[in-house]
PDB file of N, CA and C in Angstrom:
ATOM      1  N   GLY A   1      -2.965   7.827   4.089  1.00  0.00           N
ATOM      2  CA  GLY A   1      -2.099   6.878   4.714  1.00  0.00           C
ATOM      3  C   GLY A   1      -1.865   5.646   3.843  1.00  0.00           C
ATOM      4  N   ILE A   2      -2.937   5.189   3.186  1.00  0.00           N
ATOM      5  CA  ILE A   2      -2.806   4.006   2.339  1.00  0.00           C
ATOM      6  C   ILE A   2      -1.900   4.311   1.153  1.00  0.00           C
ATOM      7  N   VAL A   3      -2.069   5.480   0.559  1.00  0.00           N
ATOM      8  CA  VAL A   3      -1.215   5.861  -0.577  1.00  0.00           C
ATOM      9  C   VAL A   3       0.249   5.874  -0.154  1.00  0.00           C
ATOM     10  N   SER A   4       0.539   6.386   1.031  1.00  0.00           N
ATOM     11  CA  SER A   4       1.924   6.445   1.503  1.00  0.00           C
ATOM     12  C   SER A   4       2.519   5.056   1.656  1.00  0.00           C
ATOM     13  N   LEU A   5       1.771   4.151   2.265  1.00  0.00           N
ATOM     14  CA  LEU A   5       2.296   2.801   2.471  1.00  0.00           C
ATOM     15  C   LEU A   5       2.467   2.056   1.149  1.00  0.00           C
ATOM     16  N   ILE A   6       1.509   2.195   0.257  1.00  0.00           N
ATOM     17  CA  ILE A   6       1.620   1.538  -1.055  1.00  0.00           C
ATOM     18  C   ILE A   6       2.789   2.143  -1.838  1.00  0.00           C
ATOM     19  N   SER A   7       2.962   3.455  -1.748  1.00  0.00           N
ATOM     20  CA  SER A   7       4.086   4.104  -2.437  1.00  0.00           C
ATOM     21  C   SER A   7       5.424   3.600  -1.912  1.00  0.00           C
ATOM     22  N   LEU A   8       5.522   3.388  -0.609  1.00  0.00           N
ATOM     23  CA  LEU A   8       6.759   2.839  -0.042  1.00  0.00           C
ATOM     24  C   LEU A   8       7.013   1.415  -0.534  1.00  0.00           C
ATOM     25  N   ALA A   9       5.951   0.627  -0.654  1.00  0.00           N
ATOM     26  CA  ALA A   9       6.106  -0.734  -1.176  1.00  0.00           C
ATOM     27  C   ALA A   9       6.554  -0.702  -2.634  1.00  0.00           C
ATOM     28  N   VAL A  10       5.961   0.180  -3.422  1.00  0.00           N
ATOM     29  CA  VAL A  10       6.342   0.310  -4.835  1.00  0.00           C
ATOM     30  C   VAL A  10       7.784   0.790  -4.946  1.00  0.00           C
ATOM     31  N   LEU A  11       8.166   1.730  -4.105  1.00  0.00           N
ATOM     32  CA  LEU A  11       9.531   2.235  -4.124  1.00  0.00           C
ATOM     33  C   LEU A  11      10.530   1.152  -3.743  1.00  0.00           C
ATOM     34  N   SER A  12      10.177   0.325  -2.765  1.00  0.00           N
ATOM     35  CA  SER A  12      11.089  -0.756  -2.382  1.00  0.00           C
ATOM     36  C   SER A  12      11.248  -1.757  -3.525  1.00  0.00           C
ATOM     37  N   TYR A  13      10.165  -2.054  -4.227  1.00  0.00           N
ATOM     38  CA  TYR A  13      10.272  -2.963  -5.374  1.00  0.00           C
ATOM     39  C   TYR A  13      11.107  -2.327  -6.491  1.00  0.00           C
ATOM     40  N   GLU A  14      10.932  -1.032  -6.707  1.00  0.00           N
ATOM     41  CA  GLU A  14      11.698  -0.350  -7.757  1.00  0.00           C
ATOM     42  C   GLU A  14      13.191  -0.383  -7.445  1.00  0.00           C
ATOM     43  N   ARG A  15      13.557  -0.155  -6.177  1.00  0.00           N
ATOM     44  CA  ARG A  15      14.961  -0.226  -5.777  1.00  0.00           C
ATOM     45  C   ARG A  15      15.490  -1.649  -5.947  1.00  0.00           C
ATOM     46  N   TYR A  16      14.697  -2.614  -5.533  1.00  0.00           N
ATOM     47  CA  TYR A  16      15.092  -4.020  -5.660  1.00  0.00           C
ATOM     48  C   TYR A  16      15.309  -4.396  -7.121  1.00  0.00           C
ATOM     49  N   SER A  17      14.362  -4.029  -7.969  1.00  0.00           N
ATOM     50  CA  SER A  17      14.492  -4.409  -9.381  1.00  0.00           C
ATOM     51  C   SER A  17      15.636  -3.667 -10.062  1.00  0.00           C
ATOM     52  N   THR A  18      15.881  -2.435  -9.671  1.00  0.00           N
ATOM     53  CA  THR A  18      16.972  -1.667 -10.268  1.00  0.00           C
ATOM     54  C   THR A  18      18.333  -2.246  -9.895  1.00  0.00           C
ATOM     55  N   ILE A  19      18.499  -2.608  -8.631  1.00  0.00           N
ATOM     56  CA  ILE A  19      19.800  -3.086  -8.166  1.00  0.00           C
ATOM     57  C   ILE A  19      20.043  -4.551  -8.525  1.00  0.00           C
ATOM     58  N   THR A  20      19.047  -5.409  -8.336  1.00  0.00           N
ATOM     59  CA  THR A  20      19.292  -6.842  -8.487  1.00  0.00           C
ATOM     60  C   THR A  20      18.962  -7.389  -9.869  1.00  0.00           C
ATOM     61  N   LEU A  21      17.957  -6.850 -10.522  1.00  0.00           N
ATOM     62  CA  LEU A  21      17.565  -7.402 -11.816  1.00  0.00           C
ATOM     63  C   LEU A  21      18.311  -6.780 -12.979  1.00  0.00           C
ATOM     64  N   CYS A  22      18.969  -5.662 -12.762  1.00  0.00           N
ATOM     65  CA  CYS A  22      19.837  -5.010 -13.739  1.00  0.00           C
ATOM     66  C   CYS A  22      19.166  -4.801 -15.091  1.00  0.00           C
ATOM     67  N   ASN A  23      18.021  -4.166 -15.083  1.00  0.00           N
ATOM     68  CA  ASN A  23      17.357  -3.837 -16.344  1.00  0.00           C
ATOM     69  C   ASN A  23      18.073  -2.659 -16.977  1.00  0.00           C
ATOM     70  N   LYS A  24      18.592  -2.866 -18.150  1.00  0.00           N
ATOM     71  CA  LYS A  24      19.312  -1.807 -18.850  1.00  0.00           C
ATOM     72  C   LYS A  24      18.352  -1.079 -19.787  1.00  0.00           C
ATOM     73  N   ARG A  25      17.647  -0.106 -19.229  1.00  0.00           N
ATOM     74  CA  ARG A  25      16.713   0.674 -20.033  1.00  0.00           C
ATOM     75  C   ARG A  25      17.095   2.141 -19.969  1.00  0.00           C
ATOM     76  N   SER A  26      16.626   2.860 -20.956  1.00  0.00           N
ATOM     77  CA  SER A  26      16.871   4.298 -20.937  1.00  0.00           C
ATOM     78  C   SER A  26      15.902   4.949 -19.943  1.00  0.00           C
ATOM     79  N   ALA A  27      16.126   6.219 -19.673  1.00  0.00           N
ATOM     80  CA  ALA A  27      15.261   6.937 -18.736  1.00  0.00           C
ATOM     81  C   ALA A  27      13.837   6.989 -19.305  1.00  0.00           C
ATOM     82  N   ASP A  28      12.953   6.253 -18.712  1.00  0.00           N
ATOM     83  CA  ASP A  28      11.576   6.170 -19.186  1.00  0.00           C
ATOM     84  C   ASP A  28      10.657   6.521 -18.035  1.00  0.00           C
ATOM     85  N   TYR A  29       9.854   7.556 -18.226  1.00  0.00           N
ATOM     86  CA  TYR A  29       8.981   8.011 -17.150  1.00  0.00           C
ATOM     87  C   TYR A  29       7.657   7.261 -17.099  1.00  0.00           C
ATOM     88  N   ARG A  30       7.387   6.417 -18.085  1.00  0.00           N
ATOM     89  CA  ARG A  30       6.132   5.653 -18.061  1.00  0.00           C
ATOM     90  C   ARG A  30       6.066   4.721 -16.869  1.00  0.00           C
ATOM     91  N   LYS A  31       7.179   4.096 -16.528  1.00  0.00           N
ATOM     92  CA  LYS A  31       7.216   3.188 -15.384  1.00  0.00           C
ATOM     93  C   LYS A  31       6.925   3.940 -14.086  1.00  0.00           C
ATOM     94  N   ALA A  32       7.496   5.116 -13.937  1.00  0.00           N
ATOM     95  CA  ALA A  32       7.260   5.919 -12.736  1.00  0.00           C
ATOM     96  C   ALA A  32       5.814   6.403 -12.675  1.00  0.00           C
ATOM     97  N   LEU A  33       5.300   6.866 -13.791  1.00  0.00           N
ATOM     98  CA  LEU A  33       3.905   7.316 -13.816  1.00  0.00           C
ATOM     99  C   LEU A  33       2.942   6.168 -13.546  1.00  0.00           C
ATOM    100  N   LEU A  34       3.239   5.008 -14.069  1.00  0.00           N
ATOM    101  CA  LEU A  34       2.410   3.833 -13.816  1.00  0.00           C
ATOM    102  C   LEU A  34       2.459   3.453 -12.340  1.00  0.00           C
ATOM    103  N   ALA A  35       3.621   3.539 -11.727  1.00  0.00           N
ATOM    104  CA  ALA A  35       3.753   3.207 -10.309  1.00  0.00           C
ATOM    105  C   ALA A  35       2.981   4.189  -9.432  1.00  0.00           C
ATOM    106  N   VAL A  36       3.123   5.474  -9.709  1.00  0.00           N
ATOM    107  CA  VAL A  36       2.415   6.489  -8.917  1.00  0.00           C
ATOM    108  C   VAL A  36       0.911   6.387  -9.147  1.00  0.00           C
ATOM    109  N   GLY A  37       0.507   6.312 -10.407  1.00  0.00           N
ATOM    110  CA  GLY A  37      -0.921   6.186 -10.717  1.00  0.00           C
ATOM    111  C   GLY A  37      -1.512   4.906 -10.164  1.00  0.00           C
ATOM    112  N   GLY A  38      -0.764   3.813 -10.264  1.00  0.00           N
ATOM    113  CA  GLY A  38      -1.236   2.534  -9.741  1.00  0.00           C
ATOM    114  C   GLY A  38      -1.414   2.553  -8.240  1.00  0.00           C
ATOM    115  N   SER A  39      -0.497   3.221  -7.523  1.00  0.00           N
ATOM    116  CA  SER A  39      -0.635   3.298  -6.063  1.00  0.00           C
ATOM    117  C   SER A  39      -1.856   4.128  -5.673  1.00  0.00           C
ATOM    118  N   TRP A  40      -2.144   5.193  -6.417  1.00  0.00           N
ATOM    119  CA  TRP A  40      -3.325   5.996  -6.121  1.00  0.00           C
ATOM    120  C   TRP A  40      -4.611   5.237  -6.454  1.00  0.00           C
ATOM    121  N   ILE A  41      -4.622   4.521  -7.562  1.00  0.00           N
ATOM    122  CA  ILE A  41      -5.819   3.755  -7.928  1.00  0.00           C
ATOM    123  C   ILE A  41      -6.058   2.625  -6.935  1.00  0.00           C
ATOM    124  N   TYR A  42      -5.006   1.920  -6.550  1.00  0.00           N
ATOM    125  CA  TYR A  42      -5.122   0.849  -5.555  1.00  0.00           C
ATOM    126  C   TYR A  42      -5.679   1.395  -4.244  1.00  0.00           C
ATOM    127  N   SER A  43      -5.172   2.552  -3.828  1.00  0.00           N
ATOM    128  CA  SER A  43      -5.647   3.172  -2.593  1.00  0.00           C
ATOM    129  C   SER A  43      -7.094   3.616  -2.717  1.00  0.00           C
ATOM    130  N   LEU A  44      -7.453   4.138  -3.861  1.00  0.00           N
ATOM    131  CA  LEU A  44      -8.838   4.555  -4.097  1.00  0.00           C
ATOM    132  C   LEU A  44      -9.789   3.367  -4.035  1.00  0.00           C
ATOM    133  N   ILE A  45      -9.344   2.239  -4.581  1.00  0.00           N
ATOM    134  CA  ILE A  45     -10.167   1.026  -4.537  1.00  0.00           C
ATOM    135  C   ILE A  45     -10.471   0.634  -3.098  1.00  0.00           C
ATOM    136  N   TRP A  46      -9.525   0.837  -2.190  1.00  0.00           N
ATOM    137  CA  TRP A  46      -9.725   0.442  -0.797  1.00  0.00           C
ATOM    138  C   TRP A  46     -10.336   1.529   0.079  1.00  0.00           C
ATOM    139  N   THR A  47     -10.453   2.754  -0.406  1.00  0.00           N
ATOM    140  CA  THR A  47     -11.073   3.805   0.403  1.00  0.00           C
ATOM    141  C   THR A  47     -12.500   4.130  -0.009  1.00  0.00           C
ATOM    142  N   VAL A  48     -12.928   3.714  -1.163  1.00  0.00           N
ATOM    143  CA  VAL A  48     -14.295   3.982  -1.619  1.00  0.00           C
ATOM    144  C   VAL A  48     -15.350   3.066  -0.987  1.00  0.00           C
ATOM    145  N   PRO A  49     -15.087   1.799  -0.708  1.00  0.00           N
ATOM    146  CA  PRO A  49     -16.143   0.916  -0.195  1.00  0.00           C
ATOM    147  C   PRO A  49     -16.954   1.439   0.989  1.00  0.00           C
ATOM    148  N   PRO A  50     -16.374   2.118   1.983  1.00  0.00           N
ATOM    149  CA  PRO A  50     -17.229   2.643   3.051  1.00  0.00           C
ATOM    150  C   PRO A  50     -18.230   3.702   2.569  1.00  0.00           C
ATOM    151  N   LEU A  51     -17.936   4.347   1.466  1.00  0.00           N
ATOM    152  CA  LEU A  51     -18.855   5.344   0.928  1.00  0.00           C
ATOM    153  C   LEU A  51     -20.057   4.701   0.240  1.00  0.00           C
ATOM    154  N   VAL A  52     -19.905   3.437  -0.167  1.00  0.00           N
ATOM    155  CA  VAL A  52     -20.991   2.752  -0.874  1.00  0.00           C
ATOM    156  C   VAL A  52     -21.623   1.633  -0.052  1.00  0.00           C
ATOM    157  N   GLY A  53     -21.308   1.561   1.245  1.00  0.00           N
ATOM    158  CA  GLY A  53     -22.012   0.633   2.108  1.00  0.00           C
ATOM    159  C   GLY A  53     -21.231  -0.477   2.771  1.00  0.00           C
ATOM    160  N   TRP A  54     -20.013  -0.724   2.323  1.00  0.00           N
ATOM    161  CA  TRP A  54     -19.208  -1.762   2.978  1.00  0.00           C
ATOM    162  C   TRP A  54     -18.451  -1.083   4.110  1.00  0.00           C
ATOM    163  N   SER A  55     -18.927  -1.187   5.335  1.00  0.00           N
ATOM    164  CA  SER A  55     -18.449  -0.472   6.511  1.00  0.00           C
ATOM    165  C   SER A  55     -18.904   0.988   6.405  1.00  0.00           C
ATOM    166  N   SER A  56     -18.280   1.880   7.172  1.00  0.00           N
ATOM    167  CA  SER A  56     -18.640   3.301   7.119  1.00  0.00           C
ATOM    168  C   SER A  56     -17.517   4.127   7.726  1.00  0.00           C
ATOM    169  N   TYR A  57     -17.573   5.421   7.444  1.00  0.00           N
ATOM    170  CA  TYR A  57     -16.628   6.361   8.030  1.00  0.00           C
ATOM    171  C   TYR A  57     -17.311   7.064   9.192  1.00  0.00           C
ATOM    172  N   GLY A  58     -16.517   7.510  10.150  1.00  0.00           N
ATOM    173  CA  GLY A  58     -17.037   8.256  11.286  1.00  0.00           C
ATOM    174  C   GLY A  58     -15.998   9.228  11.807  1.00  0.00           C
ATOM    175  N   VAL A  59     -16.444  10.117  12.677  1.00  0.00           N
ATOM    176  CA  VAL A  59     -15.562  11.135  13.242  1.00  0.00           C
ATOM    177  C   VAL A  59     -14.617  10.483  14.251  1.00  0.00           C
ATOM    178  N   GLU A  60     -13.358  10.883  14.188  1.00  0.00           N
ATOM    179  CA  GLU A  60     -12.352  10.383  15.128  1.00  0.00           C
ATOM    180  C   GLU A  60     -12.453  11.120  16.465  1.00  0.00           C
ATOM    181  N   GLY A  61     -11.648  10.712  17.432  1.00  0.00           N
ATOM    182  CA  GLY A  61     -11.681  11.190  18.808  1.00  0.00           C
ATOM    183  C   GLY A  61     -11.921  12.671  19.027  1.00  0.00           C
ATOM    184  N   ALA A  62     -11.045  13.543  18.530  1.00  0.00           N
ATOM    185  CA  ALA A  62     -11.158  14.979  18.791  1.00  0.00           C
ATOM    186  C   ALA A  62     -12.208  15.647  17.922  1.00  0.00           C
ATOM    187  N   GLY A  63     -12.761  14.918  16.976  1.00  0.00           N
ATOM    188  CA  GLY A  63     -13.772  15.484  16.090  1.00  0.00           C
ATOM    189  C   GLY A  63     -13.207  16.326  14.968  1.00  0.00           C
ATOM    190  N   THR A  64     -11.913  16.179  14.683  1.00  0.00           N
ATOM    191  CA  THR A  64     -11.281  16.984  13.636  1.00  0.00           C
ATOM    192  C   THR A  64     -10.986  16.196  12.363  1.00  0.00           C
ATOM    193  N   SER A  65     -11.171  14.887  12.388  1.00  0.00           N
ATOM    194  CA  SER A  65     -10.901  14.073  11.207  1.00  0.00           C
ATOM    195  C   SER A  65     -11.832  12.865  11.176  1.00  0.00           C
ATOM    196  N   CYS A  66     -11.893  12.238  10.023  1.00  0.00           N
ATOM    197  CA  CYS A  66     -12.735  11.056   9.849  1.00  0.00           C
ATOM    198  C   CYS A  66     -11.861   9.831   9.563  1.00  0.00           C
ATOM    199  N   SER A  67     -12.400   8.688   9.918  1.00  0.00           N
ATOM    200  CA  SER A  67     -11.718   7.427   9.665  1.00  0.00           C
ATOM    201  C   SER A  67     -12.768   6.322   9.612  1.00  0.00           C
ATOM    202  N   VAL A  68     -12.315   5.133   9.309  1.00  0.00           N
ATOM    203  CA  VAL A  68     -13.205   3.974   9.327  1.00  0.00           C
ATOM    204  C   VAL A  68     -13.717   3.796  10.749  1.00  0.00           C
ATOM    205  N   ARG A  69     -14.952   3.384  10.891  1.00  0.00           N
ATOM    206  CA  ARG A  69     -15.497   3.121  12.231  1.00  0.00           C
ATOM    207  C   ARG A  69     -14.915   1.807  12.739  1.00  0.00           C
ATOM    208  N   TRP A  70     -13.827   1.936  13.509  1.00  0.00           N
ATOM    209  CA  TRP A  70     -13.127   0.773  14.015  1.00  0.00           C
ATOM    210  C   TRP A  70     -13.928   0.031  15.069  1.00  0.00           C
ATOM    211  N   SER A  71     -14.788   0.723  15.771  1.00  0.00           N
ATOM    212  CA  SER A  71     -15.509   0.113  16.893  1.00  0.00           C
ATOM    213  C   SER A  71     -16.795  -0.594  16.469  1.00  0.00           C
ATOM    214  N   SER A  72     -17.226  -0.433  15.248  1.00  0.00           N
ATOM    215  CA  SER A  72     -18.444  -1.092  14.785  1.00  0.00           C
ATOM    216  C   SER A  72     -18.232  -2.603  14.751  1.00  0.00           C
ATOM    217  N   GLU A  73     -19.218  -3.348  15.238  1.00  0.00           N
ATOM    218  CA  GLU A  73     -19.078  -4.801  15.319  1.00  0.00           C
ATOM    219  C   GLU A  73     -19.938  -5.548  14.307  1.00  0.00           C
ATOM    220  N   SER A  74     -20.415  -4.860  13.287  1.00  0.00           N
ATOM    221  CA  SER A  74     -21.208  -5.545  12.263  1.00  0.00           C
ATOM    222  C   SER A  74     -20.301  -6.404  11.389  1.00  0.00           C
ATOM    223  N   ALA A  75     -20.904  -7.378  10.738  1.00  0.00           N
ATOM    224  CA  ALA A  75     -20.128  -8.282   9.880  1.00  0.00           C
ATOM    225  C   ALA A  75     -19.481  -7.527   8.723  1.00  0.00           C
ATOM    226  N   GLU A  76     -20.180  -6.535   8.164  1.00  0.00           N
ATOM    227  CA  GLU A  76     -19.632  -5.753   7.054  1.00  0.00           C
ATOM    228  C   GLU A  76     -18.403  -4.967   7.486  1.00  0.00           C
ATOM    229  N   SER A  77     -18.495  -4.324   8.641  1.00  0.00           N
ATOM    230  CA  SER A  77     -17.354  -3.541   9.132  1.00  0.00           C
ATOM    231  C   SER A  77     -16.169  -4.428   9.466  1.00  0.00           C
ATOM    232  N   THR A  78     -16.449  -5.550  10.115  1.00  0.00           N
ATOM    233  CA  THR A  78     -15.367  -6.466  10.480  1.00  0.00           C
ATOM    234  C   THR A  78     -14.671  -7.012   9.242  1.00  0.00           C
ATOM    235  N   SER A  79     -15.429  -7.401   8.227  1.00  0.00           N
ATOM    236  CA  SER A  79     -14.814  -7.936   7.007  1.00  0.00           C
ATOM    237  C   SER A  79     -14.007  -6.875   6.281  1.00  0.00           C
ATOM    238  N   TYR A  80     -14.511  -5.640   6.255  1.00  0.00           N
ATOM    239  CA  TYR A  80     -13.776  -4.564   5.600  1.00  0.00           C
ATOM    240  C   TYR A  80     -12.463  -4.283   6.335  1.00  0.00           C
ATOM    241  N   ILE A  81     -12.511  -4.231   7.654  1.00  0.00           N
ATOM    242  CA  ILE A  81     -11.315  -3.950   8.445  1.00  0.00           C
ATOM    243  C   ILE A  81     -10.277  -5.058   8.265  1.00  0.00           C
ATOM    244  N   ILE A  82     -10.722  -6.308   8.217  1.00  0.00           N
ATOM    245  CA  ILE A  82      -9.794  -7.417   7.992  1.00  0.00           C
ATOM    246  C   ILE A  82      -9.158  -7.316   6.605  1.00  0.00           C
ATOM    247  N   CYS A  83      -9.966  -7.044   5.593  1.00  0.00           N
ATOM    248  CA  CYS A  83      -9.431  -6.892   4.229  1.00  0.00           C
ATOM    249  C   CYS A  83      -8.490  -5.701   4.145  1.00  0.00           C
ATOM    250  N   LEU A  84      -8.856  -4.597   4.776  1.00  0.00           N
ATOM    251  CA  LEU A  84      -7.998  -3.417   4.790  1.00  0.00           C
ATOM    252  C   LEU A  84      -6.665  -3.732   5.453  1.00  0.00           C
ATOM    253  N   PHE A  85      -6.709  -4.468   6.555  1.00  0.00           N
ATOM    254  CA  PHE A  85      -5.496  -4.859   7.264  1.00  0.00           C
ATOM    255  C   PHE A  85      -4.599  -5.729   6.390  1.00  0.00           C
ATOM    256  N   ILE A  86      -5.193  -6.700   5.717  1.00  0.00           N
ATOM    257  CA  ILE A  86      -4.401  -7.623   4.892  1.00  0.00           C
ATOM    258  C   ILE A  86      -3.853  -6.938   3.648  1.00  0.00           C
ATOM    259  N   PHE A  87      -4.732  -6.272   2.876  1.00  0.00           N
ATOM    260  CA  PHE A  87      -4.337  -5.748   1.575  1.00  0.00           C
ATOM    261  C   PHE A  87      -3.663  -4.376   1.619  1.00  0.00           C
ATOM    262  N   CYS A  88      -3.820  -3.640   2.710  1.00  0.00           N
ATOM    263  CA  CYS A  88      -3.220  -2.305   2.786  1.00  0.00           C
ATOM    264  C   CYS A  88      -2.146  -2.178   3.856  1.00  0.00           C
ATOM    265  N   LEU A  89      -1.910  -3.242   4.616  1.00  0.00           N
ATOM    266  CA  LEU A  89      -0.826  -3.214   5.596  1.00  0.00           C
ATOM    267  C   LEU A  89       0.066  -4.451   5.472  1.00  0.00           C
ATOM    268  N   VAL A  90      -0.505  -5.644   5.611  1.00  0.00           N
ATOM    269  CA  VAL A  90       0.303  -6.862   5.636  1.00  0.00           C
ATOM    270  C   VAL A  90       1.028  -7.086   4.307  1.00  0.00           C
ATOM    271  N   ILE A  91       0.312  -7.044   3.211  1.00  0.00           N
ATOM    272  CA  ILE A  91       0.941  -7.307   1.907  1.00  0.00           C
ATOM    273  C   ILE A  91       2.002  -6.250   1.560  1.00  0.00           C
ATOM    274  N   PRO A  92       1.712  -4.933   1.708  1.00  0.00           N
ATOM    275  CA  PRO A  92       2.784  -3.961   1.426  1.00  0.00           C
ATOM    276  C   PRO A  92       4.012  -4.130   2.325  1.00  0.00           C
ATOM    277  N   VAL A  93       3.802  -4.423   3.607  1.00  0.00           N
ATOM    278  CA  VAL A  93       4.947  -4.617   4.505  1.00  0.00           C
ATOM    279  C   VAL A  93       5.726  -5.871   4.111  1.00  0.00           C
ATOM    280  N   MET A  94       5.042  -6.927   3.709  1.00  0.00           N
ATOM    281  CA  MET A  94       5.737  -8.138   3.259  1.00  0.00           C
ATOM    282  C   MET A  94       6.537  -7.871   1.993  1.00  0.00           C
ATOM    283  N   VAL A  95       5.977  -7.088   1.067  1.00  0.00           N
ATOM    284  CA  VAL A  95       6.714  -6.720  -0.146  1.00  0.00           C
ATOM    285  C   VAL A  95       7.978  -5.945   0.225  1.00  0.00           C
ATOM    286  N   MET A  96       7.846  -4.984   1.142  1.00  0.00           N
ATOM    287  CA  MET A  96       9.014  -4.203   1.561  1.00  0.00           C
ATOM    288  C   MET A  96      10.063  -5.084   2.239  1.00  0.00           C
ATOM    289  N   MET A  97       9.627  -5.981   3.111  1.00  0.00           N
ATOM    290  CA  MET A  97      10.570  -6.864   3.795  1.00  0.00           C
ATOM    291  C   MET A  97      11.297  -7.759   2.804  1.00  0.00           C
ATOM    292  N   TYR A  98      10.570  -8.323   1.847  1.00  0.00           N
ATOM    293  CA  TYR A  98      11.199  -9.184   0.847  1.00  0.00           C
ATOM    294  C   TYR A  98      12.201  -8.391   0.006  1.00  0.00           C
ATOM    295  N   CYS A  99      11.756  -7.247  -0.525  1.00  0.00           N
ATOM    296  CA  CYS A  99      12.621  -6.473  -1.419  1.00  0.00           C
ATOM    297  C   CYS A  99      13.870  -5.971  -0.710  1.00  0.00           C
ATOM    298  N   TYR A 100      13.707  -5.410   0.485  1.00  0.00           N
ATOM    299  CA  TYR A 100      14.882  -4.903   1.191  1.00  0.00           C
ATOM    300  C   TYR A 100      15.748  -6.039   1.723  1.00  0.00           C
ATOM    301  N   GLY A 101      15.154  -7.171   2.049  1.00  0.00           N
ATOM    302  CA  GLY A 101      15.945  -8.329   2.449  1.00  0.00           C
ATOM    303  C   GLY A 101      16.798  -8.841   1.310  1.00  0.00           C
ATOM    304  N   ARG A 102      16.198  -8.966   0.124  1.00  0.00           N
ATOM    305  CA  ARG A 102      16.958  -9.402  -1.049  1.00  0.00           C
ATOM    306  C   ARG A 102      18.009  -8.373  -1.443  1.00  0.00           C
ATOM    307  N   LEU A 103      17.670  -7.102  -1.279  1.00  0.00           N
ATOM    308  CA  LEU A 103      18.619  -6.039  -1.580  1.00  0.00           C
ATOM    309  C   LEU A 103      19.805  -6.089  -0.621  1.00  0.00           C
ATOM    310  N   LEU A 104      19.560  -6.290   0.645  1.00  0.00           N
ATOM    311  CA  LEU A 104      20.621  -6.419   1.634  1.00  0.00           C
ATOM    312  C   LEU A 104      21.498  -7.629   1.332  1.00  0.00           C
ATOM    313  N   TYR A 105      20.875  -8.745   0.955  1.00  0.00           N
ATOM    314  CA  TYR A 105      21.625  -9.939   0.590  1.00  0.00           C
ATOM    315  C   TYR A 105      22.525  -9.676  -0.616  1.00  0.00           C
ATOM    316  N   ALA A 106      21.978  -8.965  -1.618  1.00  0.00           N
ATOM    317  CA  ALA A 106      22.772  -8.667  -2.819  1.00  0.00           C
ATOM    318  C   ALA A 106      23.950  -7.752  -2.492  1.00  0.00           C
ATOM    319  N   VAL A 107      23.735  -6.801  -1.613  1.00  0.00           N
ATOM    320  CA  VAL A 107      24.822  -5.876  -1.247  1.00  0.00           C
ATOM    321  C   VAL A 107      25.891  -6.626  -0.454  1.00  0.00           C
ATOM    322  N   LYS A 108      25.482  -7.532   0.427  1.00  0.00           N
ATOM    323  CA  LYS A 108      26.462  -8.303   1.204  1.00  0.00           C
ATOM    324  C   LYS A 108      27.264  -9.240   0.306  1.00  0.00           C
ATOM    325  N   GLN A 109      26.689  -9.694  -0.798  1.00  0.00           N
ATOM    326  CA  GLN A 109      27.417 -10.556  -1.728  1.00  0.00           C
ATOM    327  C   GLN A 109      28.540  -9.816  -2.430  1.00  0.00           C
ATOM    328  N   VAL A 110      28.366  -8.515  -2.608  1.00  0.00           N
ATOM    329  CA  VAL A 110      29.384  -7.703  -3.262  1.00  0.00           C
ATOM    330  C   VAL A 110      30.481  -7.413  -2.277  1.00  0.00           C
TER     331      VAL A 110
END
């Protein structure tokens, strides 16, 4: 889930930079590979901490999947959930809102 949201944020920035910043470059796959690899590494950074002690994973409702233990009230779990919320939801959504807002503004100017 984190990879998907980060990928959408990266894609929104790529669309914004392509349309509004008008970078005249040839077809270069390094930028795309860096974006995909960067989104996976960023997501990995935020999914490994429960495995090493900062919060923990547990079985979800039906017992068919695992997720962060949302109901744990320890300070470690609470801090991890807050950081996860900010860095894996709020910031990517803000990036998408900014990029698509600026993109919409640029299209309306034309």
